[in-house]
Amino acid sequence: MARCSFSTNELGMLARLMRAEAVGEGVFGMQLVGNVVINRVVAKCNEFKNQRTITKVINAKNAFDGTKSKLYKSGATAKERKYALRCIEYWRADPATYALFFYAPGKGKKCKTKFYGPYAGRFKNHCFYRPTSTKKCKI
């Protein structure tokens, strides 16, 4: 059973965002980004209570820098769609298992200890952050 409902268009949106945000970090890095997006769709936290679809999460104001890139604007490949579908259906992994936020501090720079929540871990260039209460968010 999928973690959330989705349309064909939303599957493509998620795949394109995963590529735009983390293509240099391989399949695992892109899926971590997808994990965060789906966590936001299913989260019951106040800041995400009105974002119940992949479209709303991705298009939320100032949510993802990747939406402004050429990588996001071009079509997703079949493989990228497969990776996105994994995230929608079941895929989760640390450090993004419960993460709702991520950012890339820059090469050689440390992650902040807090960024919209406690630090959950790092993968390559991205730092991931979980909510203060994962029980409250029901991720």
Protein backbone atom coordinates (compact mmCIF):
# COMPACT_ATOMS: atom_id res chain seq x y z
CA MET A 1 0.00 0.00 0.00
CA ALA A 2 1.37 3.42 -0.97
CA ARG A 3 2.27 5.93 1.74
CA CYS A 4 0.13 8.53 -0.05
CA SER A 5 -2.08 8.85 -3.11
CA PHE A 6 -0.58 10.26 -6.30
CA SER A 7 -1.25 10.95 -9.94
CA THR A 8 0.97 10.18 -12.92
CA ASN A 9 1.82 13.88 -13.08
CA GLU A 10 2.83 13.90 -9.41
CA LEU A 11 5.05 10.86 -9.91
CA GLY A 12 6.89 12.80 -12.61
CA MET A 13 7.09 15.92 -10.43
CA LEU A 14 8.63 13.95 -7.58
CA ALA A 15 11.11 12.24 -9.91
CA ARG A 16 12.18 15.58 -11.40
CA LEU A 17 12.57 17.17 -7.97
CA MET A 18 14.65 14.25 -6.68
CA ARG A 19 16.95 14.65 -9.69
CA ALA A 20 17.14 18.45 -9.41
CA GLU A 21 17.97 18.36 -5.69
CA ALA A 22 20.39 15.42 -5.55
CA VAL A 23 21.45 14.04 -8.95
CA GLY A 24 25.13 14.27 -7.94
CA GLU A 25 24.46 12.06 -4.91
CA GLY A 26 23.30 9.00 -6.81
CA VAL A 27 20.14 6.96 -6.47
CA PHE A 28 20.36 6.77 -2.66
CA GLY A 29 20.70 10.56 -2.33
CA MET A 30 17.82 11.20 -4.70
CA GLN A 31 15.62 8.75 -2.80
CA LEU A 32 16.45 10.50 0.49
CA VAL A 33 15.05 13.68 -1.05
CA GLY A 34 11.95 11.75 -2.17
CA ASN A 35 11.63 10.38 1.36
CA VAL A 36 11.46 13.94 2.75
CA VAL A 37 8.79 14.97 0.23
CA ILE A 38 6.57 11.99 1.05
CA ASN A 39 7.13 12.54 4.79
CA ARG A 40 5.75 16.06 4.32
CA VAL A 41 2.70 14.73 2.49
CA VAL A 42 1.83 12.30 5.29
CA ALA A 43 2.97 14.43 8.28
CA LYS A 44 0.28 15.62 10.66
CA CYS A 45 2.42 18.52 11.97
CA ASN A 46 0.93 22.02 11.92
CA GLU A 47 3.30 23.35 9.25
CA PHE A 48 2.24 20.61 6.80
CA LYS A 49 -1.42 20.09 7.71
CA ASN A 50 -2.63 21.78 4.50
CA GLN A 51 -0.12 20.02 2.24
CA ARG A 52 -1.75 16.63 1.66
CA THR A 53 -0.57 16.08 -1.93
CA ILE A 54 2.80 15.80 -3.64
CA THR A 55 1.86 18.81 -5.80
CA LYS A 56 1.14 21.01 -2.77
CA VAL A 57 4.34 19.94 -0.99
CA ILE A 58 6.58 20.55 -4.00
CA ASN A 59 4.92 23.83 -4.96
CA ALA A 60 4.82 25.27 -1.43
CA LYS A 61 6.44 28.69 -1.27
CA ASN A 62 10.23 28.48 -0.72
CA ALA A 63 10.05 24.71 -0.15
CA PHE A 64 12.63 23.42 -2.65
CA ASP A 65 15.28 25.32 -4.59
CA GLY A 66 15.39 22.51 -7.15
CA THR A 67 12.08 23.60 -8.68
CA LYS A 68 13.89 26.57 -10.23
CA SER A 69 16.51 24.48 -12.03
CA LYS A 70 16.65 23.21 -15.62
CA LEU A 71 16.87 19.67 -14.21
CA TYR A 72 13.40 20.06 -12.72
CA LYS A 73 11.91 21.59 -15.84
CA SER A 74 12.94 18.73 -18.14
CA GLY A 75 11.07 15.41 -18.23
CA ALA A 76 11.84 12.54 -15.87
CA THR A 77 13.36 9.31 -17.16
CA ALA A 78 11.78 5.90 -16.62
CA LYS A 79 14.47 5.08 -14.03
CA GLU A 80 13.85 8.34 -12.14
CA ARG A 81 10.13 7.58 -12.08
CA LYS A 82 10.91 4.12 -10.70
CA TYR A 83 12.96 5.64 -7.86
CA ALA A 84 10.17 8.13 -7.11
CA LEU A 85 7.58 5.35 -7.07
CA ARG A 86 9.67 3.44 -4.52
CA CYS A 87 9.53 6.48 -2.23
CA ILE A 88 5.77 6.78 -2.63
CA GLU A 89 5.15 3.09 -2.08
CA TYR A 90 7.50 2.11 0.73
CA TRP A 91 11.10 3.32 0.58
CA ARG A 92 12.57 5.03 3.66
CA ALA A 93 16.12 5.18 4.97
CA ASP A 94 18.24 7.04 7.47
CA PRO A 95 19.08 9.82 7.79
CA ALA A 96 15.76 10.77 6.15
CA THR A 97 13.46 8.12 7.67
CA TYR A 98 11.63 10.77 9.72
CA ALA A 99 13.14 13.90 8.16
CA LEU A 100 10.98 16.81 7.07
CA PHE A 101 13.78 19.15 6.04
CA PHE A 102 17.16 19.06 4.35
CA TYR A 103 19.69 21.51 3.03
CA ALA A 104 23.14 21.48 1.47
CA PRO A 105 25.55 23.64 3.50
CA GLY A 106 28.26 23.56 0.83
CA LYS A 107 31.31 21.42 0.29
CA GLY A 108 33.45 21.04 3.39
CA LYS A 109 30.98 22.88 5.64
CA LYS A 110 29.38 21.30 8.71
CA CYS A 111 25.67 20.76 9.20
CA LYS A 112 23.83 22.97 11.67
CA THR A 113 22.75 21.17 14.84
CA LYS A 114 19.20 22.48 14.27
CA PHE A 115 17.38 23.55 11.12
CA TYR A 116 13.61 23.48 11.57
CA GLY A 117 14.20 20.58 13.94
CA PRO A 118 17.02 18.44 15.34
CA TYR A 119 19.81 17.13 13.12
CA ALA A 120 19.17 13.57 11.93
CA GLY A 121 22.28 12.98 9.85
CA ARG A 122 24.11 13.69 6.64
CA PHE A 123 24.48 11.98 3.29
CA LYS A 124 27.14 13.46 1.02
CA ASN A 125 26.20 17.15 0.59
CA HIS A 126 22.80 17.09 2.30
CA CYS A 127 21.99 17.52 5.98
CA PHE A 128 18.65 16.07 7.16
CA TYR A 129 16.43 17.22 10.03
CA ARG A 130 13.55 15.49 11.75
CA PRO A 131 10.67 17.10 13.64
CA THR A 132 11.02 17.59 17.38
CA SER A 133 8.24 15.04 17.92
CA THR A 134 7.89 12.29 15.33
CA LYS A 135 4.90 10.95 17.30
CA LYS A 136 3.08 14.27 16.98
CA CYS A 137 3.78 14.37 13.24
CA LYS A 138 2.83 10.68 12.79
CA ILE A 139 5.38 10.11 10.07
